[in-house]
């Protein structure tokens, strides 16, 4: 596995733990279709949350939150609709969140933004 992939998997693991501690139920990870991938799908009560995870080892390239551009957010919303259709949940409320994981010592720092437009 490439280092980049290992860092990404680490961040997704930390993000999933963060979400579960916050009361979310993780229902799927790394869901793919022809237009892209959803890192984590979780339930926040009755709301389906599509979660993009960005992991950083340092801030040389900026915060992970800064990596989610308007275009990326729009694609995540399209992916959310695809996931809802694929899982037969087209009437469900949906939200797109971003979780940035910064690899710091002794504990990683997690930033969670709810409801990306």
Protein backbone atom coordinates (compact mmCIF):
# COMPACT_ATOMS: atom_id res chain seq x y z
CA UNK A 1 0.00 0.00 0.00
CA UNK A 2 1.30 3.46 -0.89
CA UNK A 3 2.09 5.89 1.94
CA UNK A 4 -0.62 8.27 0.70
CA UNK A 5 -3.18 5.45 0.86
CA UNK A 6 -2.05 4.44 4.35
CA UNK A 7 -2.41 8.03 5.58
CA UNK A 8 -5.88 8.22 4.02
CA UNK A 9 -6.97 4.95 5.63
CA UNK A 10 -5.65 6.19 8.99
CA UNK A 11 -7.64 9.41 8.66
CA UNK A 12 -10.82 7.57 7.70
CA UNK A 13 -10.45 5.31 10.74
CA UNK A 14 -9.99 8.32 13.05
CA UNK A 15 -12.93 10.14 11.39
CA UNK A 16 -15.21 7.11 11.80
CA UNK A 17 -14.29 6.89 15.49
CA UNK A 18 -14.97 10.63 15.88
CA UNK A 19 -18.38 10.29 14.26
CA UNK A 20 -19.32 7.28 16.39
CA UNK A 21 -18.29 9.09 19.58
CA UNK A 22 -20.53 11.97 18.47
CA UNK A 23 -23.48 9.56 18.22
CA UNK A 24 -23.47 8.87 14.49
CA UNK A 25 -23.91 5.35 13.15
CA UNK A 26 -21.44 4.54 10.38
CA UNK A 27 -23.28 2.47 7.77
CA UNK A 28 -20.77 2.33 4.92
CA UNK A 29 -17.20 3.21 4.08
CA UNK A 30 -15.50 3.76 0.73
CA UNK A 31 -18.64 3.46 -1.38
CA UNK A 32 -17.86 3.84 -5.08
CA UNK A 33 -19.73 4.41 -8.29
CA UNK A 34 -18.73 5.67 -11.73
CA UNK A 35 -18.63 9.33 -10.65
CA UNK A 36 -16.52 8.92 -7.53
CA UNK A 37 -16.24 7.70 -3.96
CA UNK A 38 -17.85 8.52 -0.63
CA UNK A 39 -15.42 8.05 2.26
CA UNK A 40 -18.03 7.51 4.99
CA UNK A 41 -21.82 7.28 5.00
CA UNK A 42 -23.33 7.64 8.46
CA UNK A 43 -26.65 8.30 10.13
CA UNK A 44 -27.12 11.31 12.39
CA UNK A 45 -30.51 10.37 13.75
CA UNK A 46 -32.66 10.02 10.64
CA UNK A 47 -30.34 12.17 8.48
CA UNK A 48 -28.00 10.43 6.06
CA UNK A 49 -24.57 12.06 6.28
CA UNK A 50 -22.11 11.77 3.41
CA UNK A 51 -18.72 12.50 4.92
CA UNK A 52 -15.58 13.52 3.06
CA UNK A 53 -12.40 12.86 5.03
CA UNK A 54 -9.21 14.85 4.44
CA UNK A 55 -6.07 13.80 6.29
CA UNK A 56 -2.98 15.94 6.65
CA UNK A 57 0.41 15.17 8.16
CA UNK A 58 1.25 18.87 8.23
CA UNK A 59 -0.18 22.18 7.13
CA UNK A 60 2.22 22.75 4.23
CA UNK A 61 -0.67 22.24 1.81
CA UNK A 62 -3.23 23.92 4.07
CA UNK A 63 -5.95 22.47 6.24
CA UNK A 64 -7.86 19.47 5.02
CA UNK A 65 -10.97 21.62 5.14
CA UNK A 66 -9.50 23.96 2.53
CA UNK A 67 -9.17 21.04 0.12
CA UNK A 68 -12.94 20.78 -0.33
CA UNK A 69 -13.66 23.23 -3.11
CA UNK A 70 -17.07 24.29 -4.40
CA UNK A 71 -16.71 21.74 -7.24
CA UNK A 72 -15.80 18.96 -4.81
CA UNK A 73 -18.78 19.82 -2.60
CA UNK A 74 -21.10 19.72 -5.63
CA UNK A 75 -19.73 16.28 -6.57
CA UNK A 76 -20.30 15.05 -3.01
CA UNK A 77 -23.93 16.15 -3.25
CA UNK A 78 -24.28 14.25 -6.54
CA UNK A 79 -22.67 11.20 -4.92
CA UNK A 80 -25.09 11.48 -2.01
CA UNK A 81 -28.06 11.34 -4.40
CA UNK A 82 -26.51 8.30 -6.13
CA UNK A 83 -26.01 6.54 -2.79
CA UNK A 84 -29.60 7.27 -1.72
CA UNK A 85 -30.91 5.86 -5.00
CA UNK A 86 -28.66 2.78 -4.83
CA UNK A 87 -29.79 2.04 -1.27
CA UNK A 88 -33.50 2.74 -1.85
CA UNK A 89 -33.57 5.74 0.48
CA UNK A 90 -34.47 8.49 -1.99
CA UNK A 91 -36.81 10.27 0.45
CA UNK A 92 -34.26 10.53 3.26
CA UNK A 93 -32.84 13.81 4.49
CA UNK A 94 -29.20 14.11 3.50
CA UNK A 95 -26.28 16.29 4.55
CA UNK A 96 -22.66 16.56 3.42
CA UNK A 97 -20.02 16.92 6.14
CA UNK A 98 -16.24 17.25 5.99
CA UNK A 99 -13.90 15.83 8.61
CA UNK A 100 -10.28 16.98 8.56
CA UNK A 101 -7.81 14.82 10.46
CA UNK A 102 -4.46 16.39 11.30
CA UNK A 103 -1.81 13.91 12.36
CA UNK A 104 -0.41 15.50 15.49
CA UNK A 105 1.18 14.02 18.58
CA UNK A 106 0.19 12.66 20.97
CA UNK A 107 -3.36 12.63 19.56
CA UNK A 108 -4.68 13.52 16.11
CA UNK A 109 -6.72 16.72 15.86
CA UNK A 110 -10.14 16.44 14.24
CA UNK A 111 -12.15 19.27 12.69
CA UNK A 112 -15.72 18.50 11.70
CA UNK A 113 -17.78 20.82 9.51
CA UNK A 114 -21.45 19.92 9.25
CA UNK A 115 -23.60 20.83 6.30
CA UNK A 116 -21.28 21.81 3.46
CA UNK A 117 -23.36 23.71 0.86
